[in-house]
């Protein structure tokens, strides 16, 4: 994704997402999970595990990873890559914080 050609869409406020939680955003045919860590870092991934398409937005956030609620695969919030011996990756979307406002790059 070319960040210069990215369309930024305001999707809400930081406090709309609980720490270690997630919210979903529908963007055309894709559902995107927006995650917030305990350090108030925000990440966006396509809302499906690379193994069985489990809804990552329903998983457990720990550090900068999320565990799929179906497969228990651990996915990096930074890269979308499966961790450990598992292999696969989900799409990552750029995020910017403007004060307390979250913007998603499409």
PDB file of N, CA and C in Angstrom:
ATOM      1  N   UNK A   1       0.847  -1.177   0.000  1.00  0.00           N
ATOM      2  CA  UNK A   1       0.000   0.000   0.000  1.00  0.00           C
ATOM      3  C   UNK A   1       0.888   1.234   0.000  1.00  0.00           C
ATOM      4  N   UNK A   2       0.641   2.133  -0.917  1.00  0.00           N
ATOM      5  CA  UNK A   2       1.389   3.383  -0.994  1.00  0.00           C
ATOM      6  C   UNK A   2       0.759   4.381  -0.036  1.00  0.00           C
ATOM      7  N   UNK A   3       1.483   4.728   1.029  1.00  0.00           N
ATOM      8  CA  UNK A   3       0.934   5.593   2.073  1.00  0.00           C
ATOM      9  C   UNK A   3       0.580   6.977   1.545  1.00  0.00           C
ATOM     10  N   UNK A   4       1.255   7.439   0.471  1.00  0.00           N
ATOM     11  CA  UNK A   4       0.955   8.752  -0.098  1.00  0.00           C
ATOM     12  C   UNK A   4      -0.407   8.771  -0.774  1.00  0.00           C
ATOM     13  N   UNK A   5      -0.860   7.634  -1.279  1.00  0.00           N
ATOM     14  CA  UNK A   5      -2.156   7.551  -1.949  1.00  0.00           C
ATOM     15  C   UNK A   5      -3.245   7.002  -1.039  1.00  0.00           C
ATOM     16  N   UNK A   6      -2.949   6.915   0.247  1.00  0.00           N
ATOM     17  CA  UNK A   6      -3.899   6.364   1.197  1.00  0.00           C
ATOM     18  C   UNK A   6      -5.004   7.363   1.491  1.00  0.00           C
ATOM     19  N   UNK A   7      -6.242   6.866   1.493  1.00  0.00           N
ATOM     20  CA  UNK A   7      -7.390   7.684   1.898  1.00  0.00           C
ATOM     21  C   UNK A   7      -7.594   7.439   3.393  1.00  0.00           C
ATOM     22  N   UNK A   8      -7.535   8.510   4.191  1.00  0.00           N
ATOM     23  CA  UNK A   8      -7.687   8.397   5.639  1.00  0.00           C
ATOM     24  C   UNK A   8      -9.136   8.649   6.022  1.00  0.00           C
ATOM     25  N   UNK A   9      -9.700   7.716   6.778  1.00  0.00           N
ATOM     26  CA  UNK A   9     -11.091   7.784   7.205  1.00  0.00           C
ATOM     27  C   UNK A   9     -11.127   7.822   8.724  1.00  0.00           C
ATOM     28  N   UNK A  10     -11.816   8.812   9.293  1.00  0.00           N
ATOM     29  CA  UNK A  10     -11.985   8.881  10.740  1.00  0.00           C
ATOM     30  C   UNK A  10     -12.979   7.806  11.156  1.00  0.00           C
ATOM     31  N   UNK A  11     -12.557   6.956  12.118  1.00  0.00           N
ATOM     32  CA  UNK A  11     -13.420   5.834  12.515  1.00  0.00           C
ATOM     33  C   UNK A  11     -13.868   5.912  13.968  1.00  0.00           C
ATOM     34  N   UNK A  12     -13.397   6.912  14.713  1.00  0.00           N
ATOM     35  CA  UNK A  12     -13.842   7.040  16.098  1.00  0.00           C
ATOM     36  C   UNK A  12     -12.749   7.596  16.978  1.00  0.00           C
ATOM     37  N   UNK A  13     -13.011   7.538  18.271  1.00  0.00           N
ATOM     38  CA  UNK A  13     -12.079   8.040  19.271  1.00  0.00           C
ATOM     39  C   UNK A  13     -11.356   6.889  19.954  1.00  0.00           C
ATOM     40  N   UNK A  14     -10.178   7.173  20.467  1.00  0.00           N
ATOM     41  CA  UNK A  14      -9.387   6.160  21.163  1.00  0.00           C
ATOM     42  C   UNK A  14     -10.194   5.506  22.277  1.00  0.00           C
ATOM     43  N   UNK A  15     -10.943   6.294  23.019  1.00  0.00           N
ATOM     44  CA  UNK A  15     -11.711   5.750  24.145  1.00  0.00           C
ATOM     45  C   UNK A  15     -12.919   4.921  23.723  1.00  0.00           C
ATOM     46  N   UNK A  16     -13.211   4.862  22.419  1.00  0.00           N
ATOM     47  CA  UNK A  16     -14.273   3.982  21.926  1.00  0.00           C
ATOM     48  C   UNK A  16     -13.857   2.517  21.992  1.00  0.00           C
ATOM     49  N   UNK A  17     -12.547   2.282  22.093  1.00  0.00           N
ATOM     50  CA  UNK A  17     -12.018   0.910  22.148  1.00  0.00           C
ATOM     51  C   UNK A  17     -11.416   0.693  23.532  1.00  0.00           C
ATOM     52  N   UNK A  18     -11.864  -0.304  24.276  1.00  0.00           N
ATOM     53  CA  UNK A  18     -11.264  -0.559  25.583  1.00  0.00           C
ATOM     54  C   UNK A  18      -9.821  -1.043  25.440  1.00  0.00           C
ATOM     55  N   UNK A  19      -9.004  -0.770  26.436  1.00  0.00           N
ATOM     56  CA  UNK A  19      -7.635  -1.309  26.422  1.00  0.00           C
ATOM     57  C   UNK A  19      -7.715  -2.826  26.358  1.00  0.00           C
ATOM     58  N   UNK A  20      -6.837  -3.409  25.540  1.00  0.00           N
ATOM     59  CA  UNK A  20      -6.795  -4.848  25.259  1.00  0.00           C
ATOM     60  C   UNK A  20      -8.090  -5.312  24.599  1.00  0.00           C
ATOM     61  N   UNK A  21      -8.732  -4.417  23.870  1.00  0.00           N
ATOM     62  CA  UNK A  21      -9.975  -4.753  23.197  1.00  0.00           C
ATOM     63  C   UNK A  21      -9.909  -4.435  21.718  1.00  0.00           C
ATOM     64  N   UNK A  22     -11.051  -4.616  21.061  1.00  0.00           N
ATOM     65  CA  UNK A  22     -11.127  -4.387  19.616  1.00  0.00           C
ATOM     66  C   UNK A  22     -12.531  -3.940  19.240  1.00  0.00           C
ATOM     67  N   UNK A  23     -12.615  -3.318  18.095  1.00  0.00           N
ATOM     68  CA  UNK A  23     -13.877  -2.952  17.456  1.00  0.00           C
ATOM     69  C   UNK A  23     -13.742  -3.304  15.981  1.00  0.00           C
ATOM     70  N   UNK A  24     -14.879  -3.479  15.313  1.00  0.00           N
ATOM     71  CA  UNK A  24     -14.860  -3.812  13.891  1.00  0.00           C
ATOM     72  C   UNK A  24     -15.363  -2.646  13.054  1.00  0.00           C
ATOM     73  N   UNK A  25     -14.772  -2.519  11.870  1.00  0.00           N
ATOM     74  CA  UNK A  25     -15.165  -1.515  10.892  1.00  0.00           C
ATOM     75  C   UNK A  25     -15.389  -2.245   9.572  1.00  0.00           C
ATOM     76  N   UNK A  26     -16.481  -1.941   8.901  1.00  0.00           N
ATOM     77  CA  UNK A  26     -16.751  -2.524   7.586  1.00  0.00           C
ATOM     78  C   UNK A  26     -16.238  -1.546   6.531  1.00  0.00           C
ATOM     79  N   UNK A  27     -15.381  -2.028   5.641  1.00  0.00           N
ATOM     80  CA  UNK A  27     -14.826  -1.211   4.561  1.00  0.00           C
ATOM     81  C   UNK A  27     -15.028  -1.968   3.256  1.00  0.00           C
ATOM     82  N   UNK A  28     -16.131  -1.680   2.580  1.00  0.00           N
ATOM     83  CA  UNK A  28     -16.445  -2.415   1.359  1.00  0.00           C
ATOM     84  C   UNK A  28     -16.656  -3.878   1.680  1.00  0.00           C
ATOM     85  N   UNK A  29     -15.943  -4.775   0.986  1.00  0.00           N
ATOM     86  CA  UNK A  29     -16.131  -6.209   1.226  1.00  0.00           C
ATOM     87  C   UNK A  29     -15.354  -6.743   2.437  1.00  0.00           C
ATOM     88  N   UNK A  30     -14.548  -5.893   3.060  1.00  0.00           N
ATOM     89  CA  UNK A  30     -13.701  -6.359   4.165  1.00  0.00           C
ATOM     90  C   UNK A  30     -14.203  -5.874   5.516  1.00  0.00           C
ATOM     91  N   UNK A  31     -13.995  -6.728   6.510  1.00  0.00           N
ATOM     92  CA  UNK A  31     -14.206  -6.326   7.891  1.00  0.00           C
ATOM     93  C   UNK A  31     -12.826  -6.148   8.494  1.00  0.00           C
ATOM     94  N   UNK A  32     -12.604  -4.996   9.116  1.00  0.00           N
ATOM     95  CA  UNK A  32     -11.302  -4.656   9.679  1.00  0.00           C
ATOM     96  C   UNK A  32     -11.440  -4.559  11.191  1.00  0.00           C
ATOM     97  N   UNK A  33     -10.554  -5.231  11.900  1.00  0.00           N
ATOM     98  CA  UNK A  33     -10.522  -5.180  13.364  1.00  0.00           C
ATOM     99  C   UNK A  33      -9.545  -4.092  13.796  1.00  0.00           C
ATOM    100  N   UNK A  34     -10.001  -3.208  14.669  1.00  0.00           N
ATOM    101  CA  UNK A  34      -9.174  -2.138  15.215  1.00  0.00           C
ATOM    102  C   UNK A  34      -8.869  -2.511  16.661  1.00  0.00           C
ATOM    103  N   UNK A  35      -7.594  -2.653  16.999  1.00  0.00           N
ATOM    104  CA  UNK A  35      -7.158  -3.108  18.317  1.00  0.00           C
ATOM    105  C   UNK A  35      -6.496  -1.975  19.102  1.00  0.00           C
ATOM    106  N   UNK A  36      -6.662  -2.001  20.418  1.00  0.00           N
ATOM    107  CA  UNK A  36      -5.986  -1.053  21.313  1.00  0.00           C
ATOM    108  C   UNK A  36      -5.233  -1.857  22.372  1.00  0.00           C
ATOM    109  N   UNK A  37      -3.964  -1.535  22.551  1.00  0.00           N
ATOM    110  CA  UNK A  37      -3.146  -2.225  23.551  1.00  0.00           C
ATOM    111  C   UNK A  37      -3.232  -1.492  24.893  1.00  0.00           C
ATOM    112  N   UNK A  38      -2.616  -2.065  25.904  1.00  0.00           N
ATOM    113  CA  UNK A  38      -2.583  -1.420  27.220  1.00  0.00           C
ATOM    114  C   UNK A  38      -1.779  -0.135  27.191  1.00  0.00           C
ATOM    115  N   UNK A  39      -0.908   0.014  26.191  1.00  0.00           N
ATOM    116  CA  UNK A  39      -0.086   1.217  26.042  1.00  0.00           C
ATOM    117  C   UNK A  39      -0.746   2.243  25.103  1.00  0.00           C
ATOM    118  N   UNK A  40      -2.031   2.046  24.801  1.00  0.00           N
ATOM    119  CA  UNK A  40      -2.808   2.931  23.921  1.00  0.00           C
ATOM    120  C   UNK A  40      -2.274   2.984  22.486  1.00  0.00           C
ATOM    121  N   UNK A  41      -1.618   1.908  22.057  1.00  0.00           N
ATOM    122  CA  UNK A  41      -1.229   1.779  20.663  1.00  0.00           C
ATOM    123  C   UNK A  41      -2.428   1.191  19.916  1.00  0.00           C
ATOM    124  N   UNK A  42      -2.643   1.637  18.696  1.00  0.00           N
ATOM    125  CA  UNK A  42      -3.794   1.190  17.920  1.00  0.00           C
ATOM    126  C   UNK A  42      -3.296   0.529  16.634  1.00  0.00           C
ATOM    127  N   UNK A  43      -3.877  -0.623  16.301  1.00  0.00           N
ATOM    128  CA  UNK A  43      -3.500  -1.393  15.125  1.00  0.00           C
ATOM    129  C   UNK A  43      -4.759  -1.822  14.381  1.00  0.00           C
ATOM    130  N   UNK A  44      -4.624  -2.062  13.088  1.00  0.00           N
ATOM    131  CA  UNK A  44      -5.751  -2.512  12.270  1.00  0.00           C
ATOM    132  C   UNK A  44      -5.335  -3.713  11.425  1.00  0.00           C
ATOM    133  N   UNK A  45      -6.128  -4.778  11.517  1.00  0.00           N
ATOM    134  CA  UNK A  45      -5.913  -6.001  10.743  1.00  0.00           C
ATOM    135  C   UNK A  45      -7.231  -6.426  10.115  1.00  0.00           C
ATOM    136  N   UNK A  46      -7.145  -7.098   8.977  1.00  0.00           N
ATOM    137  CA  UNK A  46      -8.367  -7.716   8.460  1.00  0.00           C
ATOM    138  C   UNK A  46      -8.860  -8.680   9.530  1.00  0.00           C
ATOM    139  N   UNK A  47     -10.159  -8.702   9.740  1.00  0.00           N
ATOM    140  CA  UNK A  47     -10.737  -9.448  10.867  1.00  0.00           C
ATOM    141  C   UNK A  47     -10.900 -10.926  10.553  1.00  0.00           C
ATOM    142  N   UNK A  48      -9.781 -11.566  10.166  1.00  0.00           N
ATOM    143  CA  UNK A  48      -9.848 -13.016   9.971  1.00  0.00           C
ATOM    144  C   UNK A  48      -8.476 -13.644  10.166  1.00  0.00           C
ATOM    145  N   UNK A  49      -8.483 -14.710  10.907  1.00  0.00           N
ATOM    146  CA  UNK A  49      -7.271 -15.492  11.155  1.00  0.00           C
ATOM    147  C   UNK A  49      -6.807 -16.093   9.829  1.00  0.00           C
ATOM    148  N   UNK A  50      -5.497 -16.132   9.576  1.00  0.00           N
ATOM    149  CA  UNK A  50      -5.019 -16.698   8.308  1.00  0.00           C
ATOM    150  C   UNK A  50      -5.223 -18.211   8.190  1.00  0.00           C
ATOM    151  N   UNK A  51      -5.603 -18.888   9.276  1.00  0.00           N
ATOM    152  CA  UNK A  51      -5.778 -20.337   9.204  1.00  0.00           C
ATOM    153  C   UNK A  51      -7.222 -20.724   8.894  1.00  0.00           C
ATOM    154  N   UNK A  52      -8.165 -20.345   9.747  1.00  0.00           N
ATOM    155  CA  UNK A  52      -9.563 -20.752   9.552  1.00  0.00           C
ATOM    156  C   UNK A  52     -10.520 -19.569   9.521  1.00  0.00           C
ATOM    157  N   UNK A  53      -9.983 -18.367   9.223  1.00  0.00           N
ATOM    158  CA  UNK A  53     -10.799 -17.155   9.102  1.00  0.00           C
ATOM    159  C   UNK A  53     -11.540 -16.783  10.386  1.00  0.00           C
ATOM    160  N   UNK A  54     -11.023 -17.201  11.542  1.00  0.00           N
ATOM    161  CA  UNK A  54     -11.642 -16.829  12.820  1.00  0.00           C
ATOM    162  C   UNK A  54     -11.657 -15.319  13.006  1.00  0.00           C
ATOM    163  N   UNK A  55     -12.659 -14.778  13.691  1.00  0.00           N
ATOM    164  CA  UNK A  55     -12.778 -13.331  13.899  1.00  0.00           C
ATOM    165  C   UNK A  55     -11.763 -12.835  14.933  1.00  0.00           C
ATOM    166  N   UNK A  56     -10.675 -12.264  14.473  1.00  0.00           N
ATOM    167  CA  UNK A  56      -9.624 -11.797  15.387  1.00  0.00           C
ATOM    168  C   UNK A  56     -10.134 -10.743  16.359  1.00  0.00           C
ATOM    169  N   UNK A  57     -11.172  -9.984  15.953  1.00  0.00           N
ATOM    170  CA  UNK A  57     -11.718  -8.956  16.844  1.00  0.00           C
ATOM    171  C   UNK A  57     -12.319  -9.548  18.109  1.00  0.00           C
ATOM    172  N   UNK A  58     -12.596 -10.841  18.117  1.00  0.00           N
ATOM    173  CA  UNK A  58     -13.138 -11.518  19.293  1.00  0.00           C
ATOM    174  C   UNK A  58     -12.055 -12.237  20.094  1.00  0.00           C
ATOM    175  N   UNK A  59     -10.793 -12.070  19.664  1.00  0.00           N
ATOM    176  CA  UNK A  59      -9.673 -12.730  20.330  1.00  0.00           C
ATOM    177  C   UNK A  59      -9.176 -11.951  21.532  1.00  0.00           C
ATOM    178  N   UNK A  60      -8.164 -12.504  22.171  1.00  0.00           N
ATOM    179  CA  UNK A  60      -7.560 -11.892  23.359  1.00  0.00           C
ATOM    180  C   UNK A  60      -6.302 -11.143  22.934  1.00  0.00           C
ATOM    181  N   UNK A  61      -6.263  -9.844  23.272  1.00  0.00           N
ATOM    182  CA  UNK A  61      -5.097  -9.008  22.981  1.00  0.00           C
ATOM    183  C   UNK A  61      -4.118  -9.132  24.143  1.00  0.00           C
ATOM    184  N   UNK A  62      -2.864  -9.432  23.818  1.00  0.00           N
ATOM    185  CA  UNK A  62      -1.813  -9.507  24.843  1.00  0.00           C
ATOM    186  C   UNK A  62      -0.546  -8.941  24.228  1.00  0.00           C
ATOM    187  N   UNK A  63      -0.030  -7.888  24.852  1.00  0.00           N
ATOM    188  CA  UNK A  63       1.126  -7.204  24.283  1.00  0.00           C
ATOM    189  C   UNK A  63       0.752  -6.634  22.932  1.00  0.00           C
ATOM    190  N   UNK A  64       1.546  -6.952  21.920  1.00  0.00           N
ATOM    191  CA  UNK A  64       1.277  -6.495  20.554  1.00  0.00           C
ATOM    192  C   UNK A  64       0.836  -7.659  19.674  1.00  0.00           C
ATOM    193  N   UNK A  65       0.067  -8.589  20.276  1.00  0.00           N
ATOM    194  CA  UNK A  65      -0.460  -9.739  19.553  1.00  0.00           C
ATOM    195  C   UNK A  65      -1.919  -9.958  19.935  1.00  0.00           C
ATOM    196  N   UNK A  66      -2.585 -10.765  19.129  1.00  0.00           N
ATOM    197  CA  UNK A  66      -3.955 -11.193  19.423  1.00  0.00           C
ATOM    198  C   UNK A  66      -4.025 -12.693  19.176  1.00  0.00           C
ATOM    199  N   UNK A  67      -4.761 -13.405  20.035  1.00  0.00           N
ATOM    200  CA  UNK A  67      -4.965 -14.844  19.856  1.00  0.00           C
ATOM    201  C   UNK A  67      -6.316 -15.075  19.205  1.00  0.00           C
ATOM    202  N   UNK A  68      -6.334 -15.856  18.146  1.00  0.00           N
ATOM    203  CA  UNK A  68      -7.574 -16.178  17.454  1.00  0.00           C
ATOM    204  C   UNK A  68      -8.483 -16.970  18.394  1.00  0.00           C
ATOM    205  N   UNK A  69      -9.774 -16.604  18.486  1.00  0.00           N
ATOM    206  CA  UNK A  69     -10.674 -17.316  19.392  1.00  0.00           C
ATOM    207  C   UNK A  69     -11.034 -18.721  18.918  1.00  0.00           C
ATOM    208  N   UNK A  70     -10.769 -19.038  17.664  1.00  0.00           N
ATOM    209  CA  UNK A  70     -11.109 -20.361  17.133  1.00  0.00           C
ATOM    210  C   UNK A  70      -9.899 -21.286  17.114  1.00  0.00           C
ATOM    211  N   UNK A  71      -8.771 -20.795  16.604  1.00  0.00           N
ATOM    212  CA  UNK A  71      -7.601 -21.658  16.423  1.00  0.00           C
ATOM    213  C   UNK A  71      -6.539 -21.480  17.502  1.00  0.00           C
ATOM    214  N   UNK A  72      -6.652 -20.394  18.264  1.00  0.00           N
ATOM    215  CA  UNK A  72      -5.662 -20.023  19.288  1.00  0.00           C
ATOM    216  C   UNK A  72      -4.317 -19.633  18.678  1.00  0.00           C
ATOM    217  N   UNK A  73      -4.283 -19.411  17.345  1.00  0.00           N
ATOM    218  CA  UNK A  73      -3.072 -18.897  16.722  1.00  0.00           C
ATOM    219  C   UNK A  73      -2.813 -17.508  17.269  1.00  0.00           C
ATOM    220  N   UNK A  74      -1.546 -17.167  17.438  1.00  0.00           N
ATOM    221  CA  UNK A  74      -1.147 -15.842  17.906  1.00  0.00           C
ATOM    222  C   UNK A  74      -0.692 -15.040  16.693  1.00  0.00           C
ATOM    223  N   UNK A  75      -1.314 -13.858  16.507  1.00  0.00           N
ATOM    224  CA  UNK A  75      -1.065 -13.018  15.338  1.00  0.00           C
ATOM    225  C   UNK A  75      -0.469 -11.694  15.789  1.00  0.00           C
ATOM    226  N   UNK A  76       0.600 -11.265  15.138  1.00  0.00           N
ATOM    227  CA  UNK A  76       1.227  -9.980  15.440  1.00  0.00           C
ATOM    228  C   UNK A  76       0.312  -8.845  15.000  1.00  0.00           C
ATOM    229  N   UNK A  77       0.066  -7.887  15.895  1.00  0.00           N
ATOM    230  CA  UNK A  77      -0.724  -6.711  15.524  1.00  0.00           C
ATOM    231  C   UNK A  77       0.074  -5.782  14.618  1.00  0.00           C
ATOM    232  N   UNK A  78       1.391  -5.840  14.707  1.00  0.00           N
ATOM    233  CA  UNK A  78       2.251  -4.971  13.896  1.00  0.00           C
ATOM    234  C   UNK A  78       2.369  -5.445  12.449  1.00  0.00           C
ATOM    235  N   UNK A  79       2.492  -6.759  12.253  1.00  0.00           N
ATOM    236  CA  UNK A  79       2.761  -7.292  10.912  1.00  0.00           C
ATOM    237  C   UNK A  79       1.641  -8.157  10.337  1.00  0.00           C
ATOM    238  N   UNK A  80       0.739  -8.637  11.182  1.00  0.00           N
ATOM    239  CA  UNK A  80      -0.309  -9.551  10.740  1.00  0.00           C
ATOM    240  C   UNK A  80       0.164 -10.982  10.593  1.00  0.00           C
ATOM    241  N   UNK A  81       1.443 -11.250  10.900  1.00  0.00           N
ATOM    242  CA  UNK A  81       2.022 -12.589  10.726  1.00  0.00           C
ATOM    243  C   UNK A  81       1.718 -13.490  11.920  1.00  0.00           C
ATOM    244  N   UNK A  82       1.481 -14.761  11.612  1.00  0.00           N
ATOM    245  CA  UNK A  82       1.321 -15.767  12.661  1.00  0.00           C
ATOM    246  C   UNK A  82       2.656 -15.938  13.374  1.00  0.00           C
ATOM    247  N   UNK A  83       2.596 -16.173  14.662  1.00  0.00           N
ATOM    248  CA  UNK A  83       3.792 -16.305  15.486  1.00  0.00           C
ATOM    249  C   UNK A  83       4.100 -17.773  15.758  1.00  0.00           C
ATOM    250  N   UNK A  84       5.317 -18.036  16.229  1.00  0.00           N
ATOM    251  CA  UNK A  84       5.731 -19.393  16.569  1.00  0.00           C
ATOM    252  C   UNK A  84       5.845 -20.269  15.336  1.00  0.00           C
ATOM    253  N   UNK A  85       5.412 -21.520  15.464  1.00  0.00           N
ATOM    254  CA  UNK A  85       5.533 -22.487  14.373  1.00  0.00           C
ATOM    255  C   UNK A  85       4.446 -22.314  13.316  1.00  0.00           C
ATOM    256  N   UNK A  86       3.399 -21.536  13.625  1.00  0.00           N
ATOM    257  CA  UNK A  86       2.308 -21.342  12.675  1.00  0.00           C
ATOM    258  C   UNK A  86       2.754 -20.427  11.537  1.00  0.00           C
ATOM    259  N   UNK A  87       2.180 -20.636  10.366  1.00  0.00           N
ATOM    260  CA  UNK A  87       2.553 -19.834   9.199  1.00  0.00           C
ATOM    261  C   UNK A  87       1.307 -19.264   8.548  1.00  0.00           C
ATOM    262  N   UNK A  88       1.389 -18.018   8.159  1.00  0.00           N
ATOM    263  CA  UNK A  88       0.285 -17.339   7.500  1.00  0.00           C
ATOM    264  C   UNK A  88       0.289 -15.883   7.917  1.00  0.00           C
ATOM    265  N   UNK A  89      -0.503 -15.104   7.236  1.00  0.00           N
ATOM    266  CA  UNK A  89      -0.527 -13.673   7.533  1.00  0.00           C
ATOM    267  C   UNK A  89      -1.880 -13.101   7.145  1.00  0.00           C
ATOM    268  N   UNK A  90      -2.338 -12.121   7.917  1.00  0.00           N
ATOM    269  CA  UNK A  90      -3.546 -11.388   7.589  1.00  0.00           C
ATOM    270  C   UNK A  90      -3.156  -9.959   7.203  1.00  0.00           C
ATOM    271  N   UNK A  91      -4.006  -9.306   6.441  1.00  0.00           N
ATOM    272  CA  UNK A  91      -3.689  -7.975   5.936  1.00  0.00           C
ATOM    273  C   UNK A  91      -3.669  -6.948   7.062  1.00  0.00           C
ATOM    274  N   UNK A  92      -2.677  -6.055   6.993  1.00  0.00           N
ATOM    275  CA  UNK A  92      -2.519  -4.962   7.958  1.00  0.00           C
ATOM    276  C   UNK A  92      -2.922  -3.657   7.269  1.00  0.00           C
ATOM    277  N   UNK A  93      -3.576  -2.782   8.006  1.00  0.00           N
ATOM    278  CA  UNK A  93      -3.971  -1.471   7.495  1.00  0.00           C
ATOM    279  C   UNK A  93      -3.300  -0.394   8.331  1.00  0.00           C
ATOM    280  N   UNK A  94      -2.903   0.732   7.699  1.00  0.00           N
ATOM    281  CA  UNK A  94      -2.269   1.809   8.471  1.00  0.00           C
ATOM    282  C   UNK A  94      -3.279   2.538   9.352  1.00  0.00           C
ATOM    283  N   UNK A  95      -2.784   2.995  10.487  1.00  0.00           N
ATOM    284  CA  UNK A  95      -3.587   3.735  11.468  1.00  0.00           C
ATOM    285  C   UNK A  95      -2.812   4.977  11.859  1.00  0.00           C
ATOM    286  N   UNK A  96      -3.524   6.083  12.067  1.00  0.00           N
ATOM    287  CA  UNK A  96      -2.923   7.292  12.636  1.00  0.00           C
ATOM    288  C   UNK A  96      -3.818   7.786  13.761  1.00  0.00           C
ATOM    289  N   UNK A  97      -3.172   8.304  14.791  1.00  0.00           N
ATOM    290  CA  UNK A  97      -3.897   8.978  15.861  1.00  0.00           C
ATOM    291  C   UNK A  97      -3.681  10.470  15.702  1.00  0.00           C
ATOM    292  N   UNK A  98      -4.765  11.218  15.640  1.00  0.00           N
ATOM    293  CA  UNK A  98      -4.729  12.682  15.609  1.00  0.00           C
ATOM    294  C   UNK A  98      -5.342  13.121  16.919  1.00  0.00           C
ATOM    295  N   UNK A  99      -4.495  13.314  17.936  1.00  0.00           N
ATOM    296  CA  UNK A  99      -5.011  13.550  19.282  1.00  0.00           C
ATOM    297  C   UNK A  99      -5.658  12.262  19.758  1.00  0.00           C
ATOM    298  N   UNK A 100      -6.956  12.296  20.020  1.00  0.00           N
ATOM    299  CA  UNK A 100      -7.702  11.099  20.451  1.00  0.00           C
ATOM    300  C   UNK A 100      -8.520  10.486  19.306  1.00  0.00           C
ATOM    301  N   UNK A 101      -8.389  11.031  18.099  1.00  0.00           N
ATOM    302  CA  UNK A 101      -9.162  10.560  16.954  1.00  0.00           C
ATOM    303  C   UNK A 101      -8.358   9.518  16.188  1.00  0.00           C
ATOM    304  N   UNK A 102      -9.025   8.387  15.886  1.00  0.00           N
ATOM    305  CA  UNK A 102      -8.393   7.301  15.139  1.00  0.00           C
ATOM    306  C   UNK A 102      -8.740   7.458  13.670  1.00  0.00           C
ATOM    307  N   UNK A 103      -7.700   7.377  12.825  1.00  0.00           N
ATOM    308  CA  UNK A 103      -7.906   7.411  11.381  1.00  0.00           C
ATOM    309  C   UNK A 103      -7.353   6.121  10.784  1.00  0.00           C
ATOM    310  N   UNK A 104      -8.149   5.519   9.913  1.00  0.00           N
ATOM    311  CA  UNK A 104      -7.809   4.278   9.251  1.00  0.00           C
ATOM    312  C   UNK A 104      -7.436   4.576   7.813  1.00  0.00           C
ATOM    313  N   UNK A 105      -6.331   4.005   7.350  1.00  0.00           N
ATOM    314  CA  UNK A 105      -5.897   4.178   5.970  1.00  0.00           C
ATOM    315  C   UNK A 105      -6.463   3.101   5.075  1.00  0.00           C
ATOM    316  N   UNK A 106      -7.137   3.542   4.031  1.00  0.00           N
ATOM    317  CA  UNK A 106      -7.720   2.594   3.059  1.00  0.00           C
ATOM    318  C   UNK A 106      -7.120   2.835   1.681  1.00  0.00           C
TER     319      UNK A 106
END
